[in-house]
PDB file of N, CA and C in Angstrom:
ATOM      1  N   UNK A   1     -16.437 -11.232  16.695  1.00  0.00           N
ATOM      2  CA  UNK A   1     -14.728 -11.286  16.414  1.00  0.00           C
ATOM      3  C   UNK A   1     -14.481  -9.952  17.211  1.00  0.00           C
ATOM      4  N   UNK A   2     -13.886 -10.262  18.199  1.00  0.00           N
ATOM      5  CA  UNK A   2     -13.296  -9.257  18.625  1.00  0.00           C
ATOM      6  C   UNK A   2     -12.820  -8.258  18.634  1.00  0.00           C
ATOM      7  N   UNK A   3     -12.700  -7.468  18.380  1.00  0.00           N
ATOM      8  CA  UNK A   3     -11.210  -6.319  18.032  1.00  0.00           C
ATOM      9  C   UNK A   3     -10.152  -6.068  18.814  1.00  0.00           C
ATOM     10  N   UNK A   4      -9.017  -5.826  19.093  1.00  0.00           N
ATOM     11  CA  UNK A   4      -8.218  -5.432  20.051  1.00  0.00           C
ATOM     12  C   UNK A   4      -7.721  -4.507  19.780  1.00  0.00           C
ATOM     13  N   UNK A   5      -7.113  -3.122  20.021  1.00  0.00           N
ATOM     14  CA  UNK A   5      -6.431  -1.646  20.113  1.00  0.00           C
ATOM     15  C   UNK A   5      -5.067  -1.921  21.232  1.00  0.00           C
ATOM     16  N   UNK A   6      -4.180  -2.348  19.947  1.00  0.00           N
ATOM     17  CA  UNK A   6      -2.320  -2.480  20.464  1.00  0.00           C
ATOM     18  C   UNK A   6      -2.049  -1.470  20.427  1.00  0.00           C
ATOM     19  N   UNK A   7      -1.598  -1.694  20.904  1.00  0.00           N
ATOM     20  CA  UNK A   7      -1.103   0.323  21.663  1.00  0.00           C
ATOM     21  C   UNK A   7       0.915   0.073  22.029  1.00  0.00           C
ATOM     22  N   UNK A   8       1.319   0.358  21.628  1.00  0.00           N
ATOM     23  CA  UNK A   8       2.688   0.484  21.966  1.00  0.00           C
ATOM     24  C   UNK A   8       4.053   1.123  21.078  1.00  0.00           C
ATOM     25  N   UNK A   9       5.161   2.083  21.919  1.00  0.00           N
ATOM     26  CA  UNK A   9       6.404   2.536  20.683  1.00  0.00           C
ATOM     27  C   UNK A   9       6.937   1.199  19.929  1.00  0.00           C
ATOM     28  N   UNK A  10       6.662   0.622  20.796  1.00  0.00           N
ATOM     29  CA  UNK A  10       7.738  -0.261  20.072  1.00  0.00           C
ATOM     30  C   UNK A  10       7.978  -1.513  18.996  1.00  0.00           C
ATOM     31  N   UNK A  11       7.587  -0.625  17.450  1.00  0.00           N
ATOM     32  CA  UNK A  11       7.223  -1.434  16.549  1.00  0.00           C
ATOM     33  C   UNK A  11       7.256  -3.165  16.407  1.00  0.00           C
ATOM     34  N   UNK A  12       8.481  -4.015  17.034  1.00  0.00           N
ATOM     35  CA  UNK A  12       8.677  -4.716  17.524  1.00  0.00           C
ATOM     36  C   UNK A  12       7.691  -5.755  18.388  1.00  0.00           C
ATOM     37  N   UNK A  13       6.589  -4.701  19.190  1.00  0.00           N
ATOM     38  CA  UNK A  13       6.092  -6.299  19.853  1.00  0.00           C
ATOM     39  C   UNK A  13       4.856  -5.270  19.721  1.00  0.00           C
ATOM     40  N   UNK A  14       4.853  -4.642  19.545  1.00  0.00           N
ATOM     41  CA  UNK A  14       3.195  -3.761  18.111  1.00  0.00           C
ATOM     42  C   UNK A  14       3.295  -5.099  16.718  1.00  0.00           C
ATOM     43  N   UNK A  15       4.927  -5.579  16.302  1.00  0.00           N
ATOM     44  CA  UNK A  15       4.720  -6.849  15.601  1.00  0.00           C
ATOM     45  C   UNK A  15       3.516  -8.231  16.169  1.00  0.00           C
ATOM     46  N   UNK A  16       4.789  -8.542  16.238  1.00  0.00           N
ATOM     47  CA  UNK A  16       4.620  -9.780  17.239  1.00  0.00           C
ATOM     48  C   UNK A  16       3.089  -9.912  18.091  1.00  0.00           C
ATOM     49  N   UNK A  17       2.895  -8.592  18.811  1.00  0.00           N
ATOM     50  CA  UNK A  17       1.137  -9.067  19.191  1.00  0.00           C
ATOM     51  C   UNK A  17       0.205  -9.784  18.384  1.00  0.00           C
ATOM     52  N   UNK A  18       0.056  -8.367  17.669  1.00  0.00           N
ATOM     53  CA  UNK A  18      -0.119  -8.064  16.745  1.00  0.00           C
ATOM     54  C   UNK A  18      -0.902  -9.480  15.405  1.00  0.00           C
ATOM     55  N   UNK A  19      -0.134  -9.893  15.801  1.00  0.00           N
ATOM     56  CA  UNK A  19       0.605 -12.350  14.680  1.00  0.00           C
ATOM     57  C   UNK A  19       0.193 -12.309  15.216  1.00  0.00           C
ATOM     58  N   UNK A  20       0.013 -12.768  16.467  1.00  0.00           N
ATOM     59  CA  UNK A  20       0.088 -13.990  17.204  1.00  0.00           C
ATOM     60  C   UNK A  20      -2.122 -14.077  17.748  1.00  0.00           C
ATOM     61  N   UNK A  21      -2.556 -12.267  17.526  1.00  0.00           N
ATOM     62  CA  UNK A  21      -2.755 -12.375  18.141  1.00  0.00           C
ATOM     63  C   UNK A  21      -4.736 -12.511  16.851  1.00  0.00           C
ATOM     64  N   UNK A  22      -4.343 -12.548  15.450  1.00  0.00           N
ATOM     65  CA  UNK A  22      -5.107 -12.201  14.519  1.00  0.00           C
ATOM     66  C   UNK A  22      -5.261 -13.630  14.133  1.00  0.00           C
ATOM     67  N   UNK A  23      -3.443 -14.562  13.733  1.00  0.00           N
ATOM     68  CA  UNK A  23      -3.704 -16.029  14.414  1.00  0.00           C
ATOM     69  C   UNK A  23      -5.140 -16.521  14.900  1.00  0.00           C
ATOM     70  N   UNK A  24      -5.052 -16.242  15.876  1.00  0.00           N
ATOM     71  CA  UNK A  24      -6.230 -16.857  16.937  1.00  0.00           C
ATOM     72  C   UNK A  24      -7.533 -15.708  16.622  1.00  0.00           C
ATOM     73  N   UNK A  25      -7.420 -14.721  15.156  1.00  0.00           N
ATOM     74  CA  UNK A  25      -8.719 -15.134  15.168  1.00  0.00           C
ATOM     75  C   UNK A  25      -9.445 -13.110  15.244  1.00  0.00           C
ATOM     76  N   UNK A  26      -8.855 -13.378  15.615  1.00  0.00           N
ATOM     77  CA  UNK A  26      -9.066 -11.857  17.082  1.00  0.00           C
ATOM     78  C   UNK A  26      -9.148 -10.354  15.112  1.00  0.00           C
ATOM     79  N   UNK A  27      -9.380  -9.145  15.424  1.00  0.00           N
ATOM     80  CA  UNK A  27      -9.362  -8.358  14.370  1.00  0.00           C
ATOM     81  C   UNK A  27      -8.737  -7.666  14.711  1.00  0.00           C
ATOM     82  N   UNK A  28      -7.866  -7.029  14.668  1.00  0.00           N
ATOM     83  CA  UNK A  28      -6.396  -6.130  15.600  1.00  0.00           C
ATOM     84  C   UNK A  28      -6.182  -4.647  14.995  1.00  0.00           C
ATOM     85  N   UNK A  29      -6.184  -3.430  15.702  1.00  0.00           N
ATOM     86  CA  UNK A  29      -5.883  -2.474  15.415  1.00  0.00           C
ATOM     87  C   UNK A  29      -4.730  -2.155  16.568  1.00  0.00           C
ATOM     88  N   UNK A  30      -4.082  -1.127  15.331  1.00  0.00           N
ATOM     89  CA  UNK A  30      -2.758  -1.061  16.445  1.00  0.00           C
ATOM     90  C   UNK A  30      -2.598   0.175  16.103  1.00  0.00           C
ATOM     91  N   UNK A  31      -2.189   0.823  17.123  1.00  0.00           N
ATOM     92  CA  UNK A  31      -1.712   2.929  17.355  1.00  0.00           C
ATOM     93  C   UNK A  31       0.371   2.967  17.851  1.00  0.00           C
ATOM     94  N   UNK A  32       0.658   3.494  17.214  1.00  0.00           N
ATOM     95  CA  UNK A  32       1.917   3.518  18.089  1.00  0.00           C
ATOM     96  C   UNK A  32       2.911   4.488  19.430  1.00  0.00           C
ATOM     97  N   UNK A  33       1.458   5.308  19.892  1.00  0.00           N
ATOM     98  CA  UNK A  33       1.699   6.624  20.877  1.00  0.00           C
ATOM     99  C   UNK A  33       0.134   6.833  21.109  1.00  0.00           C
ATOM    100  N   UNK A  34       0.525   7.360  22.715  1.00  0.00           N
ATOM    101  CA  UNK A  34      -1.165   7.396  23.706  1.00  0.00           C
ATOM    102  C   UNK A  34      -2.245   8.522  22.444  1.00  0.00           C
ATOM    103  N   UNK A  35      -1.422   9.989  21.730  1.00  0.00           N
ATOM    104  CA  UNK A  35      -2.435  10.422  20.800  1.00  0.00           C
ATOM    105  C   UNK A  35      -2.904   9.575  19.187  1.00  0.00           C
ATOM    106  N   UNK A  36      -2.644   8.871  19.639  1.00  0.00           N
ATOM    107  CA  UNK A  36      -2.782   7.734  18.501  1.00  0.00           C
ATOM    108  C   UNK A  36      -4.272   6.864  18.846  1.00  0.00           C
ATOM    109  N   UNK A  37      -3.895   6.500  20.034  1.00  0.00           N
ATOM    110  CA  UNK A  37      -5.046   5.689  20.246  1.00  0.00           C
ATOM    111  C   UNK A  37      -5.801   5.540  21.134  1.00  0.00           C
ATOM    112  N   UNK A  38      -5.647   7.300  21.859  1.00  0.00           N
ATOM    113  CA  UNK A  38      -5.985   7.570  21.217  1.00  0.00           C
ATOM    114  C   UNK A  38      -8.023   7.209  20.397  1.00  0.00           C
ATOM    115  N   UNK A  39      -7.135   8.459  19.621  1.00  0.00           N
ATOM    116  CA  UNK A  39      -7.878   8.719  18.127  1.00  0.00           C
ATOM    117  C   UNK A  39      -8.189   7.063  17.704  1.00  0.00           C
ATOM    118  N   UNK A  40      -8.078   6.606  17.608  1.00  0.00           N
ATOM    119  CA  UNK A  40      -7.920   5.147  16.550  1.00  0.00           C
ATOM    120  C   UNK A  40      -9.486   4.722  18.638  1.00  0.00           C
ATOM    121  N   UNK A  41      -9.322   4.440  19.275  1.00  0.00           N
ATOM    122  CA  UNK A  41     -10.500   4.506  20.382  1.00  0.00           C
ATOM    123  C   UNK A  41     -11.614   4.845  19.879  1.00  0.00           C
ATOM    124  N   UNK A  42     -11.366   5.358  19.961  1.00  0.00           N
ATOM    125  CA  UNK A  42     -12.914   6.961  19.436  1.00  0.00           C
ATOM    126  C   UNK A  42     -13.289   6.381  18.373  1.00  0.00           C
ATOM    127  N   UNK A  43     -12.711   5.647  17.192  1.00  0.00           N
ATOM    128  CA  UNK A  43     -12.864   5.740  15.193  1.00  0.00           C
ATOM    129  C   UNK A  43     -13.423   3.763  15.342  1.00  0.00           C
ATOM    130  N   UNK A  44     -12.855   2.532  16.130  1.00  0.00           N
ATOM    131  CA  UNK A  44     -12.868   1.882  16.759  1.00  0.00           C
ATOM    132  C   UNK A  44     -13.372   1.551  17.536  1.00  0.00           C
ATOM    133  N   UNK A  45     -13.396   1.129  18.433  1.00  0.00           N
ATOM    134  CA  UNK A  45     -14.919   0.892  19.462  1.00  0.00           C
ATOM    135  C   UNK A  45     -14.401  -0.161  20.116  1.00  0.00           C
ATOM    136  N   UNK A  46     -12.850  -0.577  20.325  1.00  0.00           N
ATOM    137  CA  UNK A  46     -12.040  -2.104  20.746  1.00  0.00           C
ATOM    138  C   UNK A  46     -12.936  -2.451  21.790  1.00  0.00           C
ATOM    139  N   UNK A  47     -13.048  -3.924  21.923  1.00  0.00           N
ATOM    140  CA  UNK A  47     -13.674  -4.862  22.870  1.00  0.00           C
ATOM    141  C   UNK A  47     -12.464  -4.877  24.189  1.00  0.00           C
ATOM    142  N   UNK A  48     -11.423  -4.057  23.212  1.00  0.00           N
ATOM    143  CA  UNK A  48     -10.030  -4.789  24.605  1.00  0.00           C
ATOM    144  C   UNK A  48      -8.410  -4.028  23.994  1.00  0.00           C
ATOM    145  N   UNK A  49      -7.921  -3.548  25.346  1.00  0.00           N
ATOM    146  CA  UNK A  49      -6.949  -2.698  24.866  1.00  0.00           C
ATOM    147  C   UNK A  49      -5.794  -3.738  25.660  1.00  0.00           C
ATOM    148  N   UNK A  50      -4.579  -3.524  24.315  1.00  0.00           N
ATOM    149  CA  UNK A  50      -3.281  -3.811  25.083  1.00  0.00           C
ATOM    150  C   UNK A  50      -2.408  -2.585  24.759  1.00  0.00           C
ATOM    151  N   UNK A  51      -2.292  -2.177  26.201  1.00  0.00           N
ATOM    152  CA  UNK A  51      -1.928  -0.467  26.275  1.00  0.00           C
ATOM    153  C   UNK A  51      -0.767  -0.993  26.665  1.00  0.00           C
ATOM    154  N   UNK A  52       1.143   0.235  26.509  1.00  0.00           N
ATOM    155  CA  UNK A  52       1.837   0.120  26.969  1.00  0.00           C
ATOM    156  C   UNK A  52       2.059   1.269  27.875  1.00  0.00           C
ATOM    157  N   UNK A  53       2.735   1.198  29.124  1.00  0.00           N
ATOM    158  CA  UNK A  53       3.011   2.508  29.918  1.00  0.00           C
ATOM    159  C   UNK A  53       3.742   3.875  29.716  1.00  0.00           C
ATOM    160  N   UNK A  54       4.575   2.981  28.984  1.00  0.00           N
ATOM    161  CA  UNK A  54       5.520   4.016  28.891  1.00  0.00           C
ATOM    162  C   UNK A  54       5.860   4.257  27.502  1.00  0.00           C
ATOM    163  N   UNK A  55       5.072   5.963  26.697  1.00  0.00           N
ATOM    164  CA  UNK A  55       4.882   5.776  25.691  1.00  0.00           C
ATOM    165  C   UNK A  55       4.744   7.221  25.412  1.00  0.00           C
ATOM    166  N   UNK A  56       6.447   7.976  24.538  1.00  0.00           N
ATOM    167  CA  UNK A  56       5.409   8.985  24.084  1.00  0.00           C
ATOM    168  C   UNK A  56       4.390   9.710  23.888  1.00  0.00           C
ATOM    169  N   UNK A  57       4.304  11.779  23.539  1.00  0.00           N
ATOM    170  CA  UNK A  57       3.130  11.688  23.596  1.00  0.00           C
ATOM    171  C   UNK A  57       2.166  11.880  24.673  1.00  0.00           C
ATOM    172  N   UNK A  58       1.285  10.897  24.749  1.00  0.00           N
ATOM    173  CA  UNK A  58       0.844  10.778  25.356  1.00  0.00           C
ATOM    174  C   UNK A  58       0.728   9.283  25.968  1.00  0.00           C
ATOM    175  N   UNK A  59       1.366   8.634  27.923  1.00  0.00           N
ATOM    176  CA  UNK A  59       1.759   7.620  28.321  1.00  0.00           C
ATOM    177  C   UNK A  59       0.414   6.767  28.518  1.00  0.00           C
ATOM    178  N   UNK A  60       0.614   5.826  28.637  1.00  0.00           N
ATOM    179  CA  UNK A  60      -0.051   4.432  28.786  1.00  0.00           C
ATOM    180  C   UNK A  60      -1.333   4.920  29.702  1.00  0.00           C
ATOM    181  N   UNK A  61      -0.625   5.451  31.434  1.00  0.00           N
ATOM    182  CA  UNK A  61      -1.604   5.780  31.996  1.00  0.00           C
ATOM    183  C   UNK A  61      -2.689   7.121  32.174  1.00  0.00           C
ATOM    184  N   UNK A  62      -2.104   8.173  31.789  1.00  0.00           N
ATOM    185  CA  UNK A  62      -3.066   8.870  30.447  1.00  0.00           C
ATOM    186  C   UNK A  62      -4.154   8.594  29.689  1.00  0.00           C
ATOM    187  N   UNK A  63      -3.973   7.673  29.438  1.00  0.00           N
ATOM    188  CA  UNK A  63      -4.553   6.798  28.290  1.00  0.00           C
ATOM    189  C   UNK A  63      -5.959   5.917  29.051  1.00  0.00           C
ATOM    190  N   UNK A  64      -5.107   5.389  29.449  1.00  0.00           N
ATOM    191  CA  UNK A  64      -6.287   5.170  30.265  1.00  0.00           C
ATOM    192  C   UNK A  64      -7.369   5.655  30.643  1.00  0.00           C
ATOM    193  N   UNK A  65      -6.439   6.758  31.124  1.00  0.00           N
ATOM    194  CA  UNK A  65      -7.619   7.911  32.227  1.00  0.00           C
ATOM    195  C   UNK A  65      -8.521   8.416  31.726  1.00  0.00           C
ATOM    196  N   UNK A  66      -7.929   8.688  30.556  1.00  0.00           N
ATOM    197  CA  UNK A  66      -9.301   9.110  29.560  1.00  0.00           C
ATOM    198  C   UNK A  66     -10.353   7.934  29.046  1.00  0.00           C
ATOM    199  N   UNK A  67      -9.933   7.127  28.321  1.00  0.00           N
ATOM    200  CA  UNK A  67     -10.349   6.098  28.315  1.00  0.00           C
ATOM    201  C   UNK A  67     -11.766   5.681  28.916  1.00  0.00           C
ATOM    202  N   UNK A  68     -11.515   5.679  30.692  1.00  0.00           N
ATOM    203  CA  UNK A  68     -11.747   4.831  32.042  1.00  0.00           C
ATOM    204  C   UNK A  68     -13.230   5.957  31.760  1.00  0.00           C
ATOM    205  N   UNK A  69     -12.838   7.983  31.702  1.00  0.00           N
ATOM    206  CA  UNK A  69     -13.954   9.231  32.175  1.00  0.00           C
ATOM    207  C   UNK A  69     -14.888   8.698  31.082  1.00  0.00           C
ATOM    208  N   UNK A  70     -14.956   7.865  29.878  1.00  0.00           N
ATOM    209  CA  UNK A  70     -15.280   7.876  29.173  1.00  0.00           C
ATOM    210  C   UNK A  70     -16.972   5.942  28.715  1.00  0.00           C
ATOM    211  N   UNK A  71     -15.859   5.166  29.274  1.00  0.00           N
ATOM    212  CA  UNK A  71     -16.347   3.714  29.057  1.00  0.00           C
ATOM    213  C   UNK A  71     -15.491   2.465  29.817  1.00  0.00           C
ATOM    214  N   UNK A  72     -15.691   1.962  29.761  1.00  0.00           N
ATOM    215  CA  UNK A  72     -15.216   0.920  31.245  1.00  0.00           C
ATOM    216  C   UNK A  72     -14.582  -0.266  30.769  1.00  0.00           C
ATOM    217  N   UNK A  73     -13.625  -0.106  29.272  1.00  0.00           N
ATOM    218  CA  UNK A  73     -13.363  -1.361  29.058  1.00  0.00           C
ATOM    219  C   UNK A  73     -11.748  -1.839  28.767  1.00  0.00           C
ATOM    220  N   UNK A  74     -12.435  -3.675  29.342  1.00  0.00           N
ATOM    221  CA  UNK A  74     -11.240  -3.419  29.737  1.00  0.00           C
ATOM    222  C   UNK A  74      -8.940  -3.958  29.153  1.00  0.00           C
ATOM    223  N   UNK A  75      -9.197  -3.845  29.945  1.00  0.00           N
ATOM    224  CA  UNK A  75      -7.683  -2.708  29.689  1.00  0.00           C
ATOM    225  C   UNK A  75      -6.034  -3.761  30.693  1.00  0.00           C
ATOM    226  N   UNK A  76      -5.221  -4.123  29.299  1.00  0.00           N
ATOM    227  CA  UNK A  76      -3.854  -5.065  29.944  1.00  0.00           C
ATOM    228  C   UNK A  76      -3.094  -4.263  29.797  1.00  0.00           C
ATOM    229  N   UNK A  77      -2.352  -3.602  31.024  1.00  0.00           N
ATOM    230  CA  UNK A  77      -0.632  -3.379  30.551  1.00  0.00           C
ATOM    231  C   UNK A  77       0.397  -4.183  29.847  1.00  0.00           C
ATOM    232  N   UNK A  78       1.288  -3.607  29.355  1.00  0.00           N
ATOM    233  CA  UNK A  78       2.474  -4.275  28.563  1.00  0.00           C
ATOM    234  C   UNK A  78       3.581  -3.283  29.471  1.00  0.00           C
ATOM    235  N   UNK A  79       4.416  -3.782  29.686  1.00  0.00           N
ATOM    236  CA  UNK A  79       5.153  -3.178  29.971  1.00  0.00           C
ATOM    237  C   UNK A  79       6.226  -3.767  30.703  1.00  0.00           C
ATOM    238  N   UNK A  80       7.736  -3.330  30.185  1.00  0.00           N
ATOM    239  CA  UNK A  80       8.805  -3.864  30.447  1.00  0.00           C
ATOM    240  C   UNK A  80       9.030  -3.218  31.597  1.00  0.00           C
ATOM    241  N   UNK A  81       8.529  -2.776  33.138  1.00  0.00           N
ATOM    242  CA  UNK A  81       9.027  -2.496  34.297  1.00  0.00           C
ATOM    243  C   UNK A  81       8.425  -3.507  34.704  1.00  0.00           C
ATOM    244  N   UNK A  82       9.681  -3.530  35.620  1.00  0.00           N
ATOM    245  CA  UNK A  82       9.540  -4.776  36.030  1.00  0.00           C
ATOM    246  C   UNK A  82       9.945  -5.070  38.226  1.00  0.00           C
ATOM    247  N   UNK A  83      10.178  -4.294  38.602  1.00  0.00           N
ATOM    248  CA  UNK A  83       9.703  -3.569  39.564  1.00  0.00           C
ATOM    249  C   UNK A  83       8.480  -3.879  40.211  1.00  0.00           C
ATOM    250  N   UNK A  84       8.942  -3.823  41.652  1.00  0.00           N
ATOM    251  CA  UNK A  84       6.984  -3.851  42.509  1.00  0.00           C
ATOM    252  C   UNK A  84       6.547  -2.877  42.614  1.00  0.00           C
ATOM    253  N   UNK A  85       7.801  -2.141  42.374  1.00  0.00           N
ATOM    254  CA  UNK A  85       7.129  -1.096  42.946  1.00  0.00           C
ATOM    255  C   UNK A  85       5.518  -0.237  41.678  1.00  0.00           C
ATOM    256  N   UNK A  86       6.543  -0.745  40.416  1.00  0.00           N
ATOM    257  CA  UNK A  86       6.199   0.212  39.100  1.00  0.00           C
ATOM    258  C   UNK A  86       4.720  -1.141  39.316  1.00  0.00           C
TER     259      UNK A  86
END
């Protein structure tokens, strides 16, 4: 079973994503900020990350950079940004 790390500082988004992914049979791990995400990435070794960009402490882009230094796990950014430039 694939393990997915869902990272977002909005609890309602994490709850919704985790619920739907679990319903589809995925093993889901969650984190509420970038620091916790990096810790859980190391300990849980997920197969995929759903990663918010704008988070406190360490933002999603920095989390992505730090993970990419070590592995090439697939990462999907989840964001409320809506401008093309973003």
